[in-house]
N, C-alpha and C. Protein backbone atom coordinates (compact mmCIF):
# COMPACT_ATOMS: atom_id res chain seq x y z
N UNK A 1 0.76 -1.23 -0.05
CA UNK A 1 -0.06 0.03 0.15
C UNK A 1 0.87 1.30 0.11
N UNK A 2 0.58 2.24 -0.89
CA UNK A 2 1.50 3.52 -0.90
C UNK A 2 0.70 4.19 0.11
N UNK A 3 1.53 4.51 1.21
CA UNK A 3 1.07 5.46 2.31
C UNK A 3 1.85 6.79 2.44
N UNK A 4 1.11 7.90 2.29
CA UNK A 4 1.62 9.21 1.90
C UNK A 4 1.69 9.74 3.31
N UNK A 5 2.57 10.68 3.69
CA UNK A 5 2.37 11.93 4.80
C UNK A 5 1.34 12.64 4.27
N UNK A 6 0.35 13.25 4.99
CA UNK A 6 -0.63 14.23 4.88
C UNK A 6 -0.57 15.46 5.81
N UNK A 7 0.15 15.11 6.87
CA UNK A 7 0.14 16.73 7.70
C UNK A 7 1.17 16.26 8.85
N UNK A 8 2.03 17.28 9.33
CA UNK A 8 3.04 17.08 10.38
C UNK A 8 2.62 18.46 11.06
N UNK A 9 2.33 17.90 12.58
CA UNK A 9 2.09 19.31 13.43
C UNK A 9 3.23 19.12 14.65
N UNK A 10 3.82 20.26 14.86
CA UNK A 10 4.62 20.12 16.17
C UNK A 10 3.69 20.61 17.22
N UNK A 11 3.87 19.95 18.34
CA UNK A 11 3.54 20.55 19.83
C UNK A 11 4.73 20.79 20.78
N UNK A 12 4.05 22.18 21.24
CA UNK A 12 5.31 22.93 22.06
C UNK A 12 4.80 22.84 23.46
N UNK A 13 5.60 23.10 24.58
CA UNK A 13 5.32 23.27 25.86
C UNK A 13 5.28 24.74 25.78
N UNK A 14 5.21 25.44 27.39
CA UNK A 14 5.24 26.94 27.49
C UNK A 14 6.43 27.51 27.34
N UNK A 15 7.42 26.90 27.05
CA UNK A 15 8.80 27.40 27.09
C UNK A 15 9.21 27.12 25.49
N UNK A 16 8.38 26.93 24.67
CA UNK A 16 8.82 26.55 23.40
C UNK A 16 9.36 25.49 22.80
N UNK A 17 9.65 24.41 23.84
CA UNK A 17 10.27 22.98 23.28
C UNK A 17 9.17 22.37 22.70
N UNK A 18 9.83 21.51 21.88
CA UNK A 18 8.91 20.58 21.13
C UNK A 18 8.66 19.47 21.97
N UNK A 19 7.48 19.19 22.33
CA UNK A 19 6.99 17.89 23.25
C UNK A 19 6.59 16.75 22.48
N UNK A 20 6.05 16.80 21.05
CA UNK A 20 5.53 15.60 20.41
C UNK A 20 5.36 16.34 18.95
N UNK A 21 5.25 15.24 17.87
CA UNK A 21 5.19 15.74 16.63
C UNK A 21 3.91 14.83 16.13
N UNK A 22 2.81 15.22 15.57
CA UNK A 22 1.80 14.57 15.23
C UNK A 22 1.81 14.32 13.70
N UNK A 23 1.88 13.00 13.33
CA UNK A 23 2.26 12.92 11.64
C UNK A 23 0.81 12.32 11.30
N UNK A 24 0.29 12.47 10.44
CA UNK A 24 -1.14 12.19 9.47
C UNK A 24 -0.55 11.36 8.37
N UNK A 25 -0.98 10.28 8.47
CA UNK A 25 -0.59 9.23 7.20
C UNK A 25 -1.99 8.65 6.62
N UNK A 26 -2.10 8.53 5.34
CA UNK A 26 -3.19 8.16 4.57
C UNK A 26 -2.55 7.25 3.26
N UNK A 27 -3.27 6.26 3.04
CA UNK A 27 -3.13 5.72 1.89
C UNK A 27 -4.28 4.64 1.44
N UNK A 28 -4.15 3.85 -0.01
CA UNK A 28 -5.21 3.20 -0.25
C UNK A 28 -4.46 2.31 -1.11
N UNK A 29 -5.07 1.24 -1.15
CA UNK A 29 -4.58 -0.02 -2.45
C UNK A 29 -6.04 -0.52 -2.72
N UNK A 30 -6.57 -0.25 -3.82
CA UNK A 30 -7.81 -0.89 -4.25
C UNK A 30 -8.92 -0.54 -3.34
N UNK A 31 -9.76 -1.58 -2.85
CA UNK A 31 -10.97 -1.34 -1.74
C UNK A 31 -10.50 -1.10 -0.35
N UNK A 32 -9.14 -1.11 -0.13
CA UNK A 32 -8.43 -1.05 1.42
C UNK A 32 -8.14 0.47 1.66
N UNK A 33 -8.26 1.32 2.82
CA UNK A 33 -8.01 2.39 2.83
C UNK A 33 -7.50 2.57 4.24
N UNK A 34 -6.40 3.57 4.47
CA UNK A 34 -5.90 3.53 5.87
C UNK A 34 -5.60 5.23 6.03
N UNK A 35 -6.26 5.59 7.28
CA UNK A 35 -5.82 6.74 7.60
C UNK A 35 -5.47 6.72 8.88
N UNK A 36 -4.65 7.34 9.64
CA UNK A 36 -3.86 7.32 10.66
C UNK A 36 -3.19 8.35 11.09
N UNK A 37 -3.21 8.76 12.29
CA UNK A 37 -2.77 10.04 13.44
C UNK A 37 -1.56 9.37 14.20
N UNK A 38 -0.40 9.60 14.03
CA UNK A 38 0.19 8.92 14.90
C UNK A 38 1.23 10.19 15.72
N UNK A 39 1.61 9.94 16.73
CA UNK A 39 2.16 10.84 17.92
C UNK A 39 3.38 10.45 17.94
N UNK A 40 4.43 11.14 17.63
CA UNK A 40 5.98 10.98 17.96
C UNK A 40 6.32 11.69 18.84
N UNK A 41 6.70 10.84 19.99
CA UNK A 41 7.10 11.42 21.32
C UNK A 41 8.77 11.32 21.60
N UNK A 42 9.15 11.80 22.68
CA UNK A 42 10.44 11.67 22.90
C UNK A 42 10.86 10.42 23.29
N UNK A 43 9.75 9.52 23.70
CA UNK A 43 10.10 7.92 23.77
C UNK A 43 10.30 7.13 22.73
N UNK A 44 9.85 7.88 21.62
CA UNK A 44 10.18 7.05 20.33
C UNK A 44 11.52 7.32 19.49
N UNK A 45 12.43 8.43 20.18
CA UNK A 45 13.46 8.52 19.60
C UNK A 45 14.54 7.83 20.20
N UNK A 46 15.63 7.55 19.29
CA UNK A 46 16.61 6.53 19.75
C UNK A 46 17.62 7.66 20.50
N UNK A 47 18.87 7.06 20.92
CA UNK A 47 19.67 7.73 21.81
C UNK A 47 20.47 8.81 20.89
N UNK A 48 20.40 10.01 21.38
CA UNK A 48 21.11 10.90 20.66
C UNK A 48 20.30 11.57 19.65
N UNK A 49 19.06 10.99 19.42
CA UNK A 49 17.88 12.01 18.62
C UNK A 49 17.42 12.97 19.66
N UNK A 50 16.87 14.10 19.02
CA UNK A 50 16.09 15.15 19.48
C UNK A 50 15.39 15.81 18.37
N UNK A 51 14.16 16.44 18.81
CA UNK A 51 13.26 16.72 17.88
C UNK A 51 14.14 17.92 16.90
N UNK A 52 14.95 18.48 17.72
CA UNK A 52 15.71 19.74 16.89
C UNK A 52 16.64 19.16 15.71
N UNK A 53 17.21 17.79 15.71
CA UNK A 53 18.05 17.34 15.03
C UNK A 53 17.22 16.37 13.78
N UNK A 54 16.25 16.30 14.08
CA UNK A 54 15.32 15.50 13.07
C UNK A 54 14.99 16.05 11.82
N UNK A 55 14.87 15.45 10.60
CA UNK A 55 14.30 15.93 9.40
C UNK A 55 12.83 15.48 9.20
N UNK A 56 12.19 16.14 8.40
CA UNK A 56 10.70 15.68 8.05
C UNK A 56 10.87 14.37 8.01
N UNK A 57 11.71 13.70 6.96
CA UNK A 57 12.01 12.40 6.54
C UNK A 57 11.89 11.84 7.47
N UNK A 58 13.00 12.10 8.47
CA UNK A 58 13.29 11.07 9.82
C UNK A 58 11.99 10.89 10.77
N UNK A 59 11.31 11.95 10.96
CA UNK A 59 9.88 11.86 11.74
C UNK A 59 8.96 11.03 11.14
N UNK A 60 9.02 11.28 9.93
CA UNK A 60 7.91 10.22 9.17
C UNK A 60 8.56 9.00 9.01
N UNK A 61 9.67 8.58 8.92
CA UNK A 61 9.89 7.32 9.20
C UNK A 61 9.85 6.65 10.31
N UNK A 62 9.98 7.17 11.47
CA UNK A 62 9.60 7.08 12.91
C UNK A 62 8.11 6.66 12.99
N UNK A 63 7.27 7.57 12.31
CA UNK A 63 5.97 7.46 12.55
C UNK A 63 5.31 6.09 11.79
N UNK A 64 5.90 6.01 10.61
CA UNK A 64 5.67 4.70 9.69
C UNK A 64 6.07 3.47 10.79
N UNK A 65 7.07 3.39 11.44
CA UNK A 65 7.50 2.34 11.83
C UNK A 65 6.53 2.20 13.04
N UNK A 66 6.18 3.17 13.97
CA UNK A 66 5.36 3.31 14.88
C UNK A 66 3.87 2.72 14.56
N UNK A 67 3.53 2.77 13.54
CA UNK A 67 2.01 2.70 12.70
C UNK A 67 2.38 1.17 12.47
N UNK A 68 3.35 0.67 11.83
CA UNK A 68 3.49 -0.95 11.53
C UNK A 68 3.54 -1.56 12.84
N UNK A 69 4.14 -1.23 13.98
CA UNK A 69 4.37 -1.86 14.87
C UNK A 69 2.86 -2.14 15.64
N UNK A 70 2.15 -0.81 15.58
CA UNK A 70 0.85 -0.61 16.43
C UNK A 70 -0.59 -1.71 15.46
N UNK A 71 -0.09 -1.83 14.21
CA UNK A 71 -0.89 -2.52 13.40
C UNK A 71 -0.69 -3.90 13.19
N UNK A 72 0.56 -4.35 13.72
CA UNK A 72 0.87 -5.69 13.91
C UNK A 72 0.69 -6.65 15.29
N UNK A 73 0.43 -5.75 15.95
CA UNK A 73 0.35 -6.07 17.35
C UNK A 73 -0.96 -6.91 17.64
N UNK A 74 -1.27 -7.88 18.38
CA UNK A 74 -2.56 -8.45 18.51
C UNK A 74 -2.92 -8.33 19.81
N UNK A 75 -4.04 -7.25 19.88
CA UNK A 75 -4.51 -6.71 21.17
C UNK A 75 -5.33 -7.48 21.76
N UNK A 76 -5.93 -8.37 20.86
CA UNK A 76 -7.03 -9.18 21.49
C UNK A 76 -6.86 -10.39 22.61
N UNK A 77 -5.55 -10.44 22.87
CA UNK A 77 -5.40 -11.62 23.93
C UNK A 77 -5.57 -11.24 25.26
C-alpha cells in the first residue's frame, strides 16, 4: 500500500520546546483504505536523537515504524 504523509504538526510546551510531533498518514490500495494519526514522542527517539535534529523524513520514518508496530500487535489476547 502506498502510504503518504498528509500533515505534520509540532506541539510545544510553554517554553517553546517541542513535546511531540503529530504525523497524519493516508493510503489506499484497491478497496483498502488507511488513515492514521501517529504521535511521535521523545520516547520514540533513539539515543542521541532530539526533535531539533530530525528532518521531516526522519520524523515520517519513525511514525511509519510506529504505525507498523501498532497494526501488527495482537491486542485481542
